[in-house]
Amino acid sequence: MEKLAEESGCNLCHSLQHRNYGWSEVLPIGPSWEDVARKYKGQKGTVDRLVAIVRQGSGTDSSAQHWKGKASGVAMPPNAVEISKPDAEKLVRWILSLDKTARQ
């Protein structure tokens, strides 16, 4: 899955693991996948919702800014050209499996 993410350009904005950033460091553009997994853990319809965001992007309204303090980007660009729907679904399911708190 990491290779698929890299080939699809996901690593340009996202990282695998959560990291605490100091006051003088620049936040990454997108949240880590561990943060995504933690945020959406157990929510109904998450896979379909996140696949749609991956492929169609997210808006720039205030609801899209829920990563404040974890990411500097306010919206995710559409990626339908970079990743197919079946691959996006595989990737999202893998990302959702990365929540370390679920394993403790």
N, C-alpha and C. Protein backbone atom coordinates (compact mmCIF):
# COMPACT_ATOMS: atom_id res chain seq x y z
N MET A 1 0.81 -1.19 0.00
CA MET A 1 0.00 0.00 0.00
C MET A 1 0.87 1.26 0.00
N GLU A 2 2.00 1.18 0.68
CA GLU A 2 2.89 2.35 0.69
C GLU A 2 3.37 2.68 -0.73
N LYS A 3 3.62 1.66 -1.54
CA LYS A 3 4.05 1.88 -2.92
C LYS A 3 2.92 2.53 -3.73
N LEU A 4 1.69 2.06 -3.56
CA LEU A 4 0.54 2.64 -4.24
C LEU A 4 0.39 4.11 -3.84
N ALA A 5 0.53 4.40 -2.56
CA ALA A 5 0.43 5.78 -2.08
C ALA A 5 1.51 6.66 -2.71
N GLU A 6 2.72 6.13 -2.77
CA GLU A 6 3.82 6.89 -3.36
C GLU A 6 3.58 7.12 -4.85
N GLU A 7 3.21 6.07 -5.56
CA GLU A 7 2.97 6.18 -7.00
C GLU A 7 1.80 7.11 -7.34
N SER A 8 0.85 7.25 -6.41
CA SER A 8 -0.32 8.11 -6.62
C SER A 8 -0.07 9.54 -6.16
N GLY A 9 1.10 9.80 -5.59
CA GLY A 9 1.44 11.15 -5.17
C GLY A 9 0.95 11.53 -3.78
N CYS A 10 0.41 10.58 -3.05
CA CYS A 10 -0.13 10.86 -1.72
C CYS A 10 0.94 11.34 -0.74
N ASN A 11 2.16 10.82 -0.90
CA ASN A 11 3.25 11.16 0.01
C ASN A 11 3.73 12.61 -0.13
N LEU A 12 3.27 13.29 -1.16
CA LEU A 12 3.64 14.69 -1.30
C LEU A 12 3.05 15.53 -0.17
N CYS A 13 1.89 15.13 0.33
CA CYS A 13 1.21 15.91 1.38
C CYS A 13 1.04 15.15 2.70
N HIS A 14 1.04 13.83 2.64
CA HIS A 14 0.75 13.01 3.82
C HIS A 14 1.95 12.16 4.21
N SER A 15 2.02 11.84 5.50
CA SER A 15 3.03 10.90 5.99
C SER A 15 2.30 9.73 6.65
N LEU A 16 3.01 8.69 6.88
CA LEU A 16 2.43 7.51 7.50
C LEU A 16 2.15 7.73 8.98
N GLN A 17 3.14 8.21 9.70
CA GLN A 17 3.03 8.31 11.15
C GLN A 17 2.81 9.72 11.66
N HIS A 18 2.09 9.79 12.77
CA HIS A 18 1.88 11.05 13.47
C HIS A 18 3.21 11.53 14.05
N ARG A 19 3.39 12.81 14.07
CA ARG A 19 4.59 13.39 14.66
C ARG A 19 4.18 14.69 15.33
N ASN A 20 4.71 14.94 16.51
CA ASN A 20 4.46 16.21 17.19
C ASN A 20 5.44 17.24 16.64
N TYR A 21 4.89 18.38 16.25
CA TYR A 21 5.71 19.44 15.66
C TYR A 21 5.95 20.54 16.68
N GLY A 22 7.17 21.03 16.71
CA GLY A 22 7.54 22.12 17.61
C GLY A 22 7.01 23.44 17.08
N TRP A 23 7.05 24.44 17.93
CA TRP A 23 6.50 25.75 17.58
C TRP A 23 7.18 26.39 16.38
N SER A 24 8.43 26.03 16.12
CA SER A 24 9.16 26.66 15.02
C SER A 24 9.13 25.83 13.73
N GLU A 25 8.48 24.69 13.76
CA GLU A 25 8.44 23.82 12.58
C GLU A 25 7.20 24.10 11.73
N VAL A 26 7.33 23.87 10.46
CA VAL A 26 6.21 24.03 9.53
C VAL A 26 5.42 22.72 9.52
N LEU A 27 4.10 22.84 9.66
CA LEU A 27 3.24 21.67 9.62
C LEU A 27 3.22 21.06 8.22
N PRO A 28 2.98 19.76 8.11
CA PRO A 28 2.85 19.15 6.79
C PRO A 28 1.58 19.68 6.11
N ILE A 29 1.48 19.49 4.82
CA ILE A 29 0.30 19.96 4.09
C ILE A 29 -0.94 19.17 4.51
N GLY A 30 -0.82 17.85 4.59
CA GLY A 30 -1.95 17.01 4.97
C GLY A 30 -1.67 16.25 6.26
N PRO A 31 -2.71 15.77 6.92
CA PRO A 31 -2.53 15.02 8.16
C PRO A 31 -1.86 13.67 7.91
N SER A 32 -1.24 13.13 8.95
CA SER A 32 -0.66 11.79 8.81
C SER A 32 -1.81 10.79 8.68
N TRP A 33 -1.50 9.65 8.12
CA TRP A 33 -2.54 8.63 7.98
C TRP A 33 -2.93 8.05 9.32
N GLU A 34 -2.02 8.03 10.28
CA GLU A 34 -2.39 7.60 11.63
C GLU A 34 -3.43 8.55 12.21
N ASP A 35 -3.28 9.86 11.98
CA ASP A 35 -4.26 10.83 12.46
C ASP A 35 -5.60 10.65 11.78
N VAL A 36 -5.58 10.36 10.48
CA VAL A 36 -6.82 10.12 9.75
C VAL A 36 -7.52 8.89 10.33
N ALA A 37 -6.76 7.81 10.54
CA ALA A 37 -7.33 6.57 11.09
C ALA A 37 -7.95 6.82 12.46
N ARG A 38 -7.25 7.57 13.28
CA ARG A 38 -7.73 7.87 14.64
C ARG A 38 -9.02 8.70 14.58
N LYS A 39 -9.05 9.70 13.72
CA LYS A 39 -10.19 10.61 13.63
C LYS A 39 -11.46 9.89 13.16
N TYR A 40 -11.32 9.00 12.20
CA TYR A 40 -12.49 8.37 11.59
C TYR A 40 -12.81 6.98 12.14
N LYS A 41 -12.07 6.52 13.12
CA LYS A 41 -12.26 5.18 13.70
C LYS A 41 -13.72 4.96 14.13
N GLY A 42 -14.30 3.90 13.60
CA GLY A 42 -15.64 3.49 14.02
C GLY A 42 -16.79 4.29 13.45
N GLN A 43 -16.53 5.26 12.59
CA GLN A 43 -17.62 6.06 12.02
C GLN A 43 -18.25 5.32 10.83
N LYS A 44 -19.55 5.38 10.77
CA LYS A 44 -20.30 4.72 9.70
C LYS A 44 -20.07 5.45 8.37
N GLY A 45 -19.89 4.68 7.30
CA GLY A 45 -19.75 5.25 5.96
C GLY A 45 -18.41 5.91 5.69
N THR A 46 -17.43 5.67 6.57
CA THR A 46 -16.13 6.33 6.44
C THR A 46 -15.41 5.98 5.15
N VAL A 47 -15.41 4.73 4.77
CA VAL A 47 -14.67 4.32 3.56
C VAL A 47 -15.20 5.08 2.35
N ASP A 48 -16.51 5.07 2.14
CA ASP A 48 -17.09 5.77 0.99
C ASP A 48 -16.81 7.27 1.06
N ARG A 49 -16.94 7.84 2.25
CA ARG A 49 -16.70 9.28 2.42
C ARG A 49 -15.26 9.64 2.07
N LEU A 50 -14.31 8.87 2.59
CA LEU A 50 -12.90 9.18 2.35
C LEU A 50 -12.48 8.89 0.91
N VAL A 51 -13.03 7.85 0.30
CA VAL A 51 -12.74 7.58 -1.11
C VAL A 51 -13.21 8.77 -1.95
N ALA A 52 -14.38 9.30 -1.64
CA ALA A 52 -14.89 10.47 -2.37
C ALA A 52 -13.97 11.67 -2.18
N ILE A 53 -13.47 11.88 -0.97
CA ILE A 53 -12.55 13.00 -0.72
C ILE A 53 -11.25 12.79 -1.47
N VAL A 54 -10.71 11.58 -1.45
CA VAL A 54 -9.47 11.29 -2.17
C VAL A 54 -9.64 11.59 -3.65
N ARG A 55 -10.74 11.16 -4.24
CA ARG A 55 -10.91 11.29 -5.69
C ARG A 55 -11.45 12.65 -6.11
N GLN A 56 -12.33 13.26 -5.31
CA GLN A 56 -12.96 14.51 -5.72
C GLN A 56 -12.41 15.74 -5.00
N GLY A 57 -11.65 15.51 -3.93
CA GLY A 57 -11.11 16.62 -3.15
C GLY A 57 -12.09 17.05 -2.07
N SER A 58 -11.63 17.98 -1.24
CA SER A 58 -12.49 18.52 -0.19
C SER A 58 -12.61 20.02 -0.39
N GLY A 59 -13.65 20.57 0.14
CA GLY A 59 -13.90 22.01 -0.01
C GLY A 59 -13.00 22.85 0.86
N THR A 60 -13.11 24.15 0.69
CA THR A 60 -12.30 25.08 1.48
C THR A 60 -13.13 25.74 2.58
N ASP A 61 -14.35 25.24 2.82
CA ASP A 61 -15.16 25.82 3.88
C ASP A 61 -14.58 25.49 5.25
N SER A 62 -15.16 26.03 6.29
CA SER A 62 -14.60 25.85 7.64
C SER A 62 -14.60 24.40 8.09
N SER A 63 -15.51 23.57 7.59
CA SER A 63 -15.52 22.16 8.00
C SER A 63 -14.31 21.41 7.48
N ALA A 64 -13.69 21.92 6.41
CA ALA A 64 -12.51 21.27 5.84
C ALA A 64 -11.26 21.60 6.65
N GLN A 65 -11.37 22.51 7.61
CA GLN A 65 -10.22 22.93 8.40
C GLN A 65 -10.13 22.18 9.72
N HIS A 66 -10.66 20.97 9.77
CA HIS A 66 -10.66 20.20 11.01
C HIS A 66 -9.30 19.60 11.35
N TRP A 67 -8.29 19.88 10.56
CA TRP A 67 -6.94 19.38 10.85
C TRP A 67 -6.07 20.49 11.43
N LYS A 68 -6.67 21.54 11.95
CA LYS A 68 -5.92 22.66 12.51
C LYS A 68 -4.94 22.14 13.57
N GLY A 69 -3.70 22.58 13.45
CA GLY A 69 -2.66 22.15 14.38
C GLY A 69 -1.96 20.86 13.95
N LYS A 70 -2.51 20.17 12.96
CA LYS A 70 -1.91 18.92 12.49
C LYS A 70 -1.49 19.00 11.04
N ALA A 71 -2.07 19.93 10.30
CA ALA A 71 -1.76 20.09 8.88
C ALA A 71 -1.96 21.54 8.47
N SER A 72 -1.17 21.96 7.49
CA SER A 72 -1.25 23.35 7.05
C SER A 72 -2.23 23.56 5.90
N GLY A 73 -2.58 22.50 5.19
CA GLY A 73 -3.50 22.63 4.08
C GLY A 73 -4.94 22.78 4.55
N VAL A 74 -5.75 23.52 3.80
CA VAL A 74 -7.14 23.68 4.18
C VAL A 74 -8.07 22.85 3.30
N ALA A 75 -7.56 22.32 2.20
CA ALA A 75 -8.38 21.51 1.32
C ALA A 75 -7.51 20.47 0.62
N MET A 76 -8.14 19.36 0.27
CA MET A 76 -7.44 18.33 -0.48
C MET A 76 -7.84 18.45 -1.94
N PRO A 77 -6.85 18.51 -2.84
CA PRO A 77 -7.20 18.62 -4.26
C PRO A 77 -7.76 17.29 -4.77
N PRO A 78 -8.52 17.33 -5.86
CA PRO A 78 -9.03 16.09 -6.44
C PRO A 78 -7.90 15.25 -7.01
N ASN A 79 -8.05 13.94 -6.90
CA ASN A 79 -7.01 13.01 -7.35
C ASN A 79 -7.54 11.89 -8.24
N ALA A 80 -8.68 12.11 -8.87
CA ALA A 80 -9.29 11.06 -9.69
C ALA A 80 -8.40 10.63 -10.86
N VAL A 81 -7.56 11.52 -11.34
CA VAL A 81 -6.64 11.17 -12.43
C VAL A 81 -5.50 10.30 -11.90
N GLU A 82 -5.06 10.58 -10.69
CA GLU A 82 -3.91 9.89 -10.12
C GLU A 82 -4.22 8.50 -9.57
N ILE A 83 -5.48 8.28 -9.11
CA ILE A 83 -5.79 7.00 -8.47
C ILE A 83 -7.21 6.56 -8.85
N SER A 84 -7.34 5.30 -9.21
CA SER A 84 -8.64 4.74 -9.58
C SER A 84 -9.49 4.56 -8.32
N LYS A 85 -10.78 4.42 -8.51
CA LYS A 85 -11.68 4.21 -7.37
C LYS A 85 -11.34 2.92 -6.62
N PRO A 86 -11.12 1.78 -7.31
CA PRO A 86 -10.76 0.56 -6.57
C PRO A 86 -9.45 0.72 -5.77
N ASP A 87 -8.45 1.38 -6.36
CA ASP A 87 -7.19 1.59 -5.65
C ASP A 87 -7.38 2.55 -4.48
N ALA A 88 -8.20 3.58 -4.67
CA ALA A 88 -8.47 4.52 -3.59
C ALA A 88 -9.15 3.81 -2.43
N GLU A 89 -10.06 2.90 -2.74
CA GLU A 89 -10.74 2.15 -1.68
C GLU A 89 -9.76 1.26 -0.92
N LYS A 90 -8.87 0.59 -1.63
CA LYS A 90 -7.86 -0.24 -0.97
C LYS A 90 -6.98 0.61 -0.06
N LEU A 91 -6.57 1.75 -0.58
CA LEU A 91 -5.71 2.65 0.17
C LEU A 91 -6.41 3.18 1.42
N VAL A 92 -7.66 3.60 1.28
CA VAL A 92 -8.42 4.11 2.42
C VAL A 92 -8.58 3.03 3.49
N ARG A 93 -8.91 1.82 3.08
CA ARG A 93 -9.06 0.73 4.06
C ARG A 93 -7.74 0.48 4.80
N TRP A 94 -6.64 0.55 4.08
CA TRP A 94 -5.33 0.38 4.71
C TRP A 94 -5.06 1.52 5.68
N ILE A 95 -5.32 2.75 5.25
CA ILE A 95 -5.09 3.91 6.12
C ILE A 95 -5.91 3.78 7.40
N LEU A 96 -7.17 3.37 7.28
CA LEU A 96 -8.02 3.23 8.46
C LEU A 96 -7.54 2.14 9.41
N SER A 97 -6.72 1.22 8.92
CA SER A 97 -6.18 0.16 9.78
C SER A 97 -4.96 0.62 10.58
N LEU A 98 -4.51 1.84 10.36
CA LEU A 98 -3.27 2.31 10.96
C LEU A 98 -3.41 2.94 12.34
N ASP A 99 -4.60 2.99 12.88
CA ASP A 99 -4.80 3.61 14.19
C ASP A 99 -4.15 2.78 15.28
N LYS A 100 -3.03 3.27 15.80
CA LYS A 100 -2.30 2.53 16.83
C LYS A 100 -3.10 2.41 18.12
N THR A 101 -3.97 3.37 18.41
CA THR A 101 -4.73 3.30 19.67
C THR A 101 -5.69 2.12 19.67
N ALA A 102 -6.11 1.66 18.48
CA ALA A 102 -7.01 0.51 18.40
C ALA A 102 -6.29 -0.78 18.76
N ARG A 103 -4.96 -0.80 18.68
CA ARG A 103 -4.18 -2.00 18.94
C ARG A 103 -3.66 -2.07 20.38
N GLN A 104 -3.87 -1.03 21.14
CA GLN A 104 -3.31 -1.00 22.50
C GLN A 104 -4.28 -1.55 23.51
